[in-house]
Amino acid sequence: MTNHKWGSKPMMLGLALMSSLCVLGAASTQGAEAKISWQVEWEKTVKAGEQEGQLVLYAQSGFGEMFEKSDFQKKFPKIKVVLVSARGAELVSRIMAERRAGKFIADVGIDFGNDSPWNLYQAKVLDPVPSVFFLPEVADAAAWWQGKHQYIDPEGKYIFVYVGVPQYFVAYNKNLVNREELKSYWDLLSPKWKGKITAFDPQSSGYGATAARFFYHHPELGPKFLKRFYSEMDVTIYRQIPQGEDWLAAGKYSLCLCRHQSIGEAIQQGLPVDEINAHVLKEAPGLGSNSQTLILLNKAPHPNAAKLFINWFLSKEGQTDFQNASASGPEGALSSLRMDVPKDGIPPRNRIVPGVKYVVQWNPNMLDMKPIRQLISEAIAEGKKN
């Protein structure tokens, strides 16, 4: 037997090898423990959710058809999904009325819009969405756009945004407009378009408000653009969809700030209309949530089912499932902000273009419509005088 003294080269190499093996062993053990930890939590949550037996989702109208194509109910057949659908404002009123009566019915709100969950956030009826994260791939934001989870609320934890869609605001009649004439939003202010533009009511909620917010808060457009547009261009405002879209297709107007879903339907019908790709205009395009937000109601009656749903839905599997299911909608598949989900099935119009600096439309500073509505009212009044 050969004896080695402490400090000799062979002894040091042996100790180094043993040390490395110990470190690797410890890391392997820790990794196994971590894996076991979330797997145990998953199994525990599935079992508890199945015992609750139900999940109540409040969602805007239209989500139901999409959800019918989702795999969640198939994957967890012992949890009955109850879907309550209505307009966002109606769901907010319903939730608040239920709570005043001491009833807590909704677990999760999904496809909930921007303004509606904001109202619930202000009413303090929400729990932080990250408080229920336990899947490592959900808690880790590295796979998401810009390497972070996106939220509307200023605290960054109550209103989760899981979709990003480039916003196209301007549609045109192909028989009346040469697309090459419009290279910037400022080109809409050309005298040749005066009296030839129609726009969905910017004082309303929904699409009209979305377009007004975009122009008002855009660093290259701002209040000046919005004021000139409504004071100088003799814009015809419509309030009933698809009136403006029909006017545009018939050639009554050359340009329209139209609801893009309606324009998409008109294009599919072969009508002479199209959208201006926001990526070809001089100004940075907007990126919106397309109403795809997720909230967790506090005092949820089925907390484990809600926890299970949120972790599954925000996982790669769940977001892949969502993207595929969303293809049944009028706009085609929507792009998840989870960037490790394949985007092959996303229509070009709905894709986030790498390298483009977007003006994000879920900034909480954009939600206050009062100054925007006041500016537009004053601009319209000024236009009528001239």
Protein backbone atom coordinates (compact mmCIF):
# COMPACT_ATOMS: atom_id res chain seq x y z
CA MET A 1 0.00 0.00 0.00
CA THR A 2 1.31 3.44 -0.94
CA ASN A 3 1.01 6.15 1.68
CA HIS A 4 0.40 9.76 0.60
CA LYS A 5 1.24 12.69 2.80
CA TRP A 6 -1.17 15.57 3.32
CA GLY A 7 -0.39 18.22 0.72
CA SER A 8 1.18 15.79 -1.77
CA LYS A 9 -0.02 16.16 -5.40
CA PRO A 10 -1.77 12.75 -5.64
CA MET A 11 -3.53 13.35 -2.31
CA MET A 12 -4.67 16.82 -3.40
CA LEU A 13 -6.02 15.47 -6.69
CA GLY A 14 -7.89 12.77 -4.83
CA LEU A 15 -9.41 15.27 -2.44
CA ALA A 16 -10.37 17.57 -5.33
CA LEU A 17 -12.08 14.66 -7.10
CA MET A 18 -13.94 13.65 -3.95
CA SER A 19 -14.97 17.26 -3.39
CA SER A 20 -16.30 17.59 -6.94
CA LEU A 21 -18.23 14.36 -6.61
CA CYS A 22 -19.73 15.59 -3.34
CA VAL A 23 -20.76 18.89 -4.92
CA LEU A 24 -22.27 17.13 -7.91
CA GLY A 25 -24.01 14.69 -5.63
CA ALA A 26 -25.38 17.49 -3.49
CA ALA A 27 -26.56 19.41 -6.58
CA SER A 28 -28.17 16.27 -7.96
CA THR A 29 -29.91 15.64 -4.65
CA GLN A 30 -31.10 19.24 -4.44
CA GLY A 31 -32.39 19.06 -8.02
CA ALA A 32 -34.22 15.85 -7.25
CA GLU A 33 -35.70 17.39 -4.10
CA ALA A 34 -36.81 20.48 -6.04
CA LYS A 35 -38.39 18.31 -8.70
CA ILE A 36 -40.10 16.20 -6.11
CA SER A 37 -41.28 19.35 -4.35
CA TRP A 38 -43.21 20.78 -7.30
CA GLN A 39 -44.45 17.36 -8.38
CA VAL A 40 -45.80 16.75 -4.88
CA GLU A 41 -47.44 20.18 -4.95
CA TRP A 42 -48.96 19.42 -8.36
CA GLU A 43 -50.39 16.08 -7.25
CA LYS A 44 -51.67 17.63 -4.03
CA THR A 45 -53.35 20.48 -5.93
CA VAL A 46 -54.92 18.15 -8.49
CA LYS A 47 -56.36 15.99 -5.72
CA ALA A 48 -57.68 18.99 -3.77
CA GLY A 49 -59.12 20.52 -6.94
CA GLU A 50 -60.89 17.26 -7.77
CA GLN A 51 -62.36 17.19 -4.27
CA GLU A 52 -63.69 20.72 -4.81
CA GLY A 53 -65.12 19.37 -8.05
CA GLN A 54 -65.69 22.69 -9.77
CA LEU A 55 -64.00 25.75 -11.29
CA VAL A 56 -65.99 28.89 -12.05
CA LEU A 57 -64.54 31.02 -14.84
CA TYR A 58 -65.94 34.47 -15.61
CA ALA A 59 -65.06 35.44 -19.17
CA GLN A 60 -66.07 37.91 -21.83
CA SER A 61 -68.51 36.77 -24.50
CA GLY A 62 -66.80 34.76 -27.19
CA PHE A 63 -64.35 32.96 -24.92
CA GLY A 64 -66.71 30.02 -24.51
CA GLU A 65 -66.34 28.79 -28.08
CA MET A 66 -62.58 28.99 -27.73
CA PHE A 67 -62.57 27.23 -24.37
CA GLU A 68 -64.64 24.37 -25.74
CA LYS A 69 -61.57 23.48 -27.81
CA SER A 70 -59.30 23.62 -24.76
CA ASP A 71 -57.82 20.46 -23.24
CA PHE A 72 -58.25 21.52 -19.61
CA GLN A 73 -61.60 19.79 -19.13
CA LYS A 74 -60.28 16.67 -20.86
CA LYS A 75 -57.14 16.66 -18.75
CA PHE A 76 -59.02 17.15 -15.48
CA PRO A 77 -62.45 15.54 -16.03
CA LYS A 78 -63.26 15.46 -12.31
CA ILE A 79 -63.26 19.26 -12.16
CA LYS A 80 -66.42 20.65 -13.76
CA VAL A 81 -65.77 23.98 -15.47
CA VAL A 82 -68.64 26.45 -15.14
CA LEU A 83 -68.22 29.29 -17.64
CA VAL A 84 -70.12 32.54 -17.08
CA SER A 85 -69.91 34.80 -20.13
CA ALA A 86 -70.93 38.41 -20.68
CA ARG A 87 -69.44 41.76 -21.60
CA GLY A 88 -66.61 42.84 -19.31
CA ALA A 89 -68.56 45.69 -17.71
CA GLU A 90 -71.49 43.36 -17.05
CA LEU A 91 -69.21 40.82 -15.38
CA VAL A 92 -67.78 43.53 -13.12
CA SER A 93 -71.28 44.63 -12.10
CA ARG A 94 -72.27 41.04 -11.46
CA ILE A 95 -69.22 40.29 -9.31
CA MET A 96 -69.69 43.43 -7.21
CA ALA A 97 -73.42 42.72 -6.77
CA GLU A 98 -72.67 39.14 -5.69
CA ARG A 99 -70.16 40.33 -3.13
CA ARG A 100 -72.50 42.93 -1.70
CA ALA A 101 -74.90 40.04 -1.14
CA GLY A 102 -72.17 38.03 0.60
CA LYS A 103 -71.80 35.60 -2.28
CA PHE A 104 -68.40 34.55 -3.63
CA ILE A 105 -68.94 32.66 -6.86
CA ALA A 106 -66.17 33.46 -9.35
CA ASP A 107 -62.75 31.84 -9.06
CA VAL A 108 -60.88 33.19 -12.06
CA GLY A 109 -61.53 35.89 -14.63
CA ILE A 110 -60.11 35.27 -18.11
CA ASP A 111 -60.30 37.10 -21.45
CA PHE A 112 -61.38 39.95 -19.19
CA GLY A 113 -60.22 43.03 -21.11
CA ASN A 114 -58.24 45.95 -19.70
CA ASP A 115 -60.73 48.35 -18.11
CA SER A 116 -62.86 45.70 -16.42
CA PRO A 117 -60.11 44.01 -14.37
CA TRP A 118 -58.77 47.48 -13.54
CA ASN A 119 -62.13 48.30 -11.92
CA LEU A 120 -61.94 45.10 -9.88
CA TYR A 121 -58.35 45.88 -8.90
CA GLN A 122 -59.44 49.27 -7.60
CA ALA A 123 -62.28 47.60 -5.69
CA LYS A 124 -59.68 45.36 -3.99
CA VAL A 125 -61.41 42.09 -4.82
CA LEU A 126 -58.37 40.42 -6.43
CA ASP A 127 -55.56 38.25 -5.12
CA PRO A 128 -52.04 38.43 -6.59
CA VAL A 129 -51.75 35.99 -9.47
CA PRO A 130 -48.14 35.00 -8.58
CA SER A 131 -49.32 33.94 -5.10
CA VAL A 132 -50.52 30.65 -6.61
CA PHE A 133 -47.53 29.94 -8.89
CA PHE A 134 -45.75 26.69 -8.02
CA LEU A 135 -44.71 25.19 -11.36
CA PRO A 136 -41.08 26.25 -11.91
CA GLU A 137 -41.75 27.01 -15.59
CA VAL A 138 -44.59 29.33 -14.61
CA ALA A 139 -42.86 31.12 -11.76
CA ASP A 140 -39.77 31.69 -13.94
CA ALA A 141 -40.46 34.56 -16.36
CA ALA A 142 -37.47 33.85 -18.61
CA ALA A 143 -39.60 32.26 -21.35
CA TRP A 144 -41.93 35.27 -21.61
CA TRP A 145 -41.63 38.29 -23.91
CA GLN A 146 -38.93 40.68 -22.69
CA GLY A 147 -38.03 38.08 -20.04
CA LYS A 148 -40.76 39.12 -17.64
CA HIS A 149 -44.40 38.58 -16.77
CA GLN A 150 -46.60 41.38 -18.09
CA TYR A 151 -49.22 43.05 -15.89
CA ILE A 152 -51.58 46.01 -16.28
CA ASP A 153 -51.74 47.07 -12.64
CA PRO A 154 -48.97 49.33 -11.24
CA GLU A 155 -48.07 46.76 -8.57
CA GLY A 156 -47.34 44.21 -11.27
CA LYS A 157 -49.14 41.22 -9.80
CA TYR A 158 -52.92 41.41 -10.13
CA ILE A 159 -53.85 41.68 -13.85
CA PHE A 160 -51.78 39.23 -15.91
CA VAL A 161 -51.42 39.82 -19.67
CA TYR A 162 -50.70 36.66 -21.64
CA VAL A 163 -51.22 37.81 -25.26
CA GLY A 164 -49.49 40.44 -27.37
CA VAL A 165 -51.01 41.48 -30.71
CA PRO A 166 -49.70 44.29 -32.95
CA GLN A 167 -52.42 46.90 -33.38
CA TYR A 168 -53.62 48.05 -36.80
CA PHE A 169 -55.85 51.10 -36.55
CA VAL A 170 -56.33 52.34 -40.11
CA ALA A 171 -58.38 50.61 -42.80
CA TYR A 172 -58.91 51.86 -46.33
CA ASN A 173 -60.97 51.31 -49.46
CA LYS A 174 -58.61 49.88 -52.07
CA ASN A 175 -60.51 51.55 -54.93
CA LEU A 176 -60.15 55.01 -53.41
CA VAL A 177 -56.78 55.00 -51.67
CA ASN A 178 -53.29 54.34 -52.94
CA ARG A 179 -51.67 52.55 -50.04
CA GLU A 180 -48.30 54.18 -50.81
CA GLU A 181 -49.76 57.59 -49.98
CA LEU A 182 -49.89 56.69 -46.30
CA LYS A 183 -46.46 56.28 -44.76
CA SER A 184 -47.17 57.90 -41.40
CA TYR A 185 -50.16 58.48 -39.14
CA TRP A 186 -49.56 62.19 -39.75
CA ASP A 187 -50.53 61.61 -43.40
CA LEU A 188 -54.12 61.16 -42.18
CA LEU A 189 -54.16 64.92 -41.62
CA SER A 190 -53.67 65.71 -45.32
CA PRO A 191 -56.43 68.07 -46.59
CA LYS A 192 -57.32 65.52 -49.31
CA TRP A 193 -58.82 63.22 -46.65
CA LYS A 194 -61.01 65.88 -45.03
CA GLY A 195 -64.58 64.61 -44.86
CA LYS A 196 -63.50 61.19 -46.14
CA ILE A 197 -62.74 59.52 -42.81
CA THR A 198 -65.07 57.65 -40.49
CA ALA A 199 -64.13 56.41 -37.01
CA PHE A 200 -65.68 54.31 -34.30
CA ASP A 201 -66.74 56.52 -31.41
CA PRO A 202 -63.58 57.39 -29.44
CA GLN A 203 -65.69 58.39 -26.45
CA SER A 204 -66.96 54.83 -26.06
CA SER A 205 -65.26 51.89 -24.41
CA GLY A 206 -63.68 49.11 -26.40
CA TYR A 207 -62.04 49.68 -29.77
CA GLY A 208 -62.74 53.43 -29.99
CA ALA A 209 -61.08 54.04 -26.64
CA THR A 210 -58.16 51.78 -27.57
CA ALA A 211 -57.38 53.79 -30.70
CA ALA A 212 -57.72 57.12 -28.83
CA ARG A 213 -55.37 55.91 -26.09
CA PHE A 214 -52.81 54.82 -28.65
CA PHE A 215 -52.69 58.20 -30.38
CA TYR A 216 -52.83 60.22 -27.16
CA HIS A 217 -49.99 58.38 -25.41
CA HIS A 218 -47.80 57.69 -28.44
CA PRO A 219 -44.51 59.59 -28.03
CA GLU A 220 -44.46 60.46 -31.76
CA LEU A 221 -48.14 61.50 -32.00
CA GLY A 222 -49.67 62.57 -28.69
CA PRO A 223 -52.47 65.03 -27.84
CA LYS A 224 -51.48 67.34 -30.71
CA PHE A 225 -52.20 64.68 -33.34
CA LEU A 226 -55.47 63.65 -31.70
CA LYS A 227 -56.69 67.25 -31.43
CA ARG A 228 -55.90 68.04 -35.07
CA PHE A 229 -57.48 64.80 -36.27
CA TYR A 230 -60.86 65.53 -34.68
CA SER A 231 -60.85 69.30 -35.17
CA GLU A 232 -59.54 69.54 -38.76
CA MET A 233 -60.57 66.39 -40.63
CA ASP A 234 -64.39 66.50 -40.38
CA VAL A 235 -64.43 62.91 -39.15
CA THR A 236 -67.77 61.06 -39.21
CA ILE A 237 -68.22 59.12 -35.98
CA TYR A 238 -70.25 55.92 -35.90
CA ARG A 239 -71.40 53.97 -32.85
CA GLN A 240 -72.90 50.80 -34.28
CA ILE A 241 -70.60 48.07 -35.60
CA PRO A 242 -70.28 47.34 -38.54
CA GLN A 243 -71.74 50.61 -39.86
CA GLY A 244 -68.36 52.23 -40.48
CA GLU A 245 -66.99 49.07 -42.04
CA ASP A 246 -70.00 48.91 -44.40
CA TRP A 247 -69.55 52.57 -45.34
CA LEU A 248 -65.89 51.94 -46.11
CA ALA A 249 -66.62 48.87 -48.27
CA ALA A 250 -69.35 50.75 -50.16
CA GLY A 251 -66.96 53.62 -50.93
CA LYS A 252 -68.85 56.23 -48.91
CA TYR A 253 -65.59 56.91 -47.05
CA SER A 254 -61.98 56.36 -48.08
CA LEU A 255 -60.48 55.70 -44.63
CA CYS A 256 -61.74 54.28 -41.38
CA LEU A 257 -60.54 53.82 -37.83
CA CYS A 258 -62.43 50.55 -37.77
CA ARG A 259 -62.67 47.53 -35.55
CA HIS A 260 -60.07 45.19 -37.01
CA GLN A 261 -62.17 42.04 -36.44
CA SER A 262 -64.88 43.51 -38.67
CA ILE A 263 -62.37 44.52 -41.33
CA GLY A 264 -60.96 40.99 -41.24
CA GLU A 265 -64.43 39.61 -41.90
CA ALA A 266 -64.91 42.07 -44.77
CA ILE A 267 -61.59 41.02 -46.30
CA GLN A 268 -62.61 37.38 -46.09
CA GLN A 269 -65.82 38.26 -47.94
CA GLY A 270 -63.80 39.71 -50.80
CA LEU A 271 -64.84 43.32 -50.23
CA PRO A 272 -62.45 46.05 -51.49
CA VAL A 273 -60.98 46.92 -48.10
CA ASP A 274 -57.72 46.29 -46.31
CA GLU A 275 -55.76 47.33 -43.23
CA ILE A 276 -52.58 49.34 -43.22
CA ASN A 277 -49.84 47.23 -41.68
CA ALA A 278 -48.71 49.26 -38.67
CA HIS A 279 -45.17 47.96 -39.11
CA VAL A 280 -44.72 49.88 -42.37
CA LEU A 281 -45.71 53.25 -40.91
CA LYS A 282 -43.06 55.64 -39.66
CA GLU A 283 -44.24 55.62 -36.04
CA ALA A 284 -43.74 52.67 -33.69
CA PRO A 285 -46.72 50.27 -33.72
CA GLY A 286 -48.83 49.55 -30.67
CA LEU A 287 -48.92 46.18 -28.94
CA GLY A 288 -52.19 45.29 -27.24
CA SER A 289 -53.48 42.48 -25.08
CA ASN A 290 -56.51 41.82 -27.32
CA SER A 291 -58.48 41.70 -24.04
CA GLN A 292 -56.60 38.56 -22.99
CA THR A 293 -56.02 39.17 -19.29
CA LEU A 294 -56.22 36.84 -16.31
CA ILE A 295 -57.26 37.67 -12.75
CA LEU A 296 -57.66 35.66 -9.54
CA LEU A 297 -60.62 36.63 -7.37
CA ASN A 298 -59.99 36.77 -3.64
CA LYS A 299 -62.07 34.51 -1.41
CA ALA A 300 -62.39 32.16 -4.38
CA PRO A 301 -64.79 29.30 -3.54
CA HIS A 302 -62.60 26.74 -5.32
CA PRO A 303 -59.05 27.89 -4.52
CA ASN A 304 -57.28 24.68 -5.46
CA ALA A 305 -59.07 24.32 -8.78
CA ALA A 306 -58.21 27.97 -9.48
CA LYS A 307 -54.57 27.38 -8.54
CA LEU A 308 -54.39 24.31 -10.76
CA PHE A 309 -55.98 26.10 -13.71
CA ILE A 310 -53.67 29.12 -13.53
CA ASN A 311 -50.52 27.01 -13.33
CA TRP A 312 -51.65 24.78 -16.18
CA PHE A 313 -52.89 27.68 -18.33
CA LEU A 314 -49.65 29.68 -18.01
CA SER A 315 -47.41 26.66 -18.60
CA LYS A 316 -45.99 25.95 -22.03
CA GLU A 317 -48.58 23.20 -22.46
CA GLY A 318 -51.46 25.48 -21.45
CA GLN A 319 -50.35 28.40 -23.62
CA THR A 320 -49.82 26.10 -26.59
CA ASP A 321 -53.33 24.79 -26.04
CA PHE A 322 -54.66 28.37 -25.83
CA GLN A 323 -52.91 29.45 -29.04
CA ASN A 324 -54.33 26.46 -30.92
CA ALA A 325 -57.82 27.02 -29.54
CA SER A 326 -57.73 30.75 -30.34
CA ALA A 327 -57.42 29.90 -34.05
CA SER A 328 -61.20 29.41 -34.07
CA GLY A 329 -61.71 33.14 -33.44
CA PRO A 330 -62.43 35.73 -36.16
CA GLU A 331 -58.85 37.06 -36.06
CA GLY A 332 -57.11 33.71 -36.24
CA ALA A 333 -54.66 32.38 -33.66
CA LEU A 334 -53.42 34.89 -31.09
CA SER A 335 -49.77 34.99 -30.10
CA SER A 336 -49.00 34.06 -26.52
CA LEU A 337 -46.43 36.27 -24.81
CA ARG A 338 -44.81 33.02 -23.79
CA MET A 339 -42.09 32.93 -26.44
CA ASP A 340 -41.18 29.24 -26.08
CA VAL A 341 -44.58 28.37 -27.56
CA PRO A 342 -44.22 27.71 -31.33
CA LYS A 343 -45.62 30.56 -33.46
CA ASP A 344 -45.94 28.70 -36.76
CA GLY A 345 -49.75 28.82 -36.67
CA ILE A 346 -49.97 32.55 -35.88
CA PRO A 347 -51.17 34.66 -38.85
CA PRO A 348 -48.57 37.24 -39.92
CA ARG A 349 -50.85 40.05 -38.78
CA ASN A 350 -50.84 38.76 -35.19
CA ARG A 351 -47.12 38.10 -34.86
CA ILE A 352 -44.73 40.14 -32.76
CA VAL A 353 -41.90 41.16 -35.09
CA PRO A 354 -38.46 40.61 -33.49
CA GLY A 355 -36.48 43.80 -33.02
CA VAL A 356 -39.47 46.14 -33.28
CA LYS A 357 -39.88 48.59 -30.42
CA TYR A 358 -43.60 48.52 -29.65
CA VAL A 359 -45.66 51.04 -27.71
CA VAL A 360 -47.20 48.71 -25.11
CA GLN A 361 -50.88 49.43 -24.57
CA TRP A 362 -51.34 47.79 -21.17
CA ASN A 363 -49.44 50.51 -19.33
CA PRO A 364 -51.58 51.47 -16.29
CA ASN A 365 -50.91 55.15 -16.99
CA MET A 366 -53.01 54.79 -20.14
CA LEU A 367 -56.23 53.66 -18.47
CA ASP A 368 -57.55 57.07 -17.45
CA MET A 369 -59.80 58.18 -20.31
CA LYS A 370 -60.98 61.47 -18.77
CA PRO A 371 -58.30 63.77 -20.26
CA ILE A 372 -58.57 61.99 -23.62
CA ARG A 373 -62.36 62.33 -23.79
CA GLN A 374 -62.17 65.97 -22.79
CA LEU A 375 -59.61 66.71 -25.50
CA ILE A 376 -61.69 64.95 -28.17
CA SER A 377 -64.91 66.72 -27.10
CA GLU A 378 -63.20 70.08 -27.31
CA ALA A 379 -61.62 69.20 -30.66
CA ILE A 380 -64.96 68.10 -32.19
CA ALA A 381 -66.64 71.27 -30.90
CA GLU A 382 -63.86 73.38 -32.39
CA GLY A 383 -64.20 71.58 -35.71
CA LYS A 384 -67.93 72.33 -35.90
CA LYS A 385 -67.22 76.05 -35.46
CA ASN A 386 -64.77 76.12 -38.36
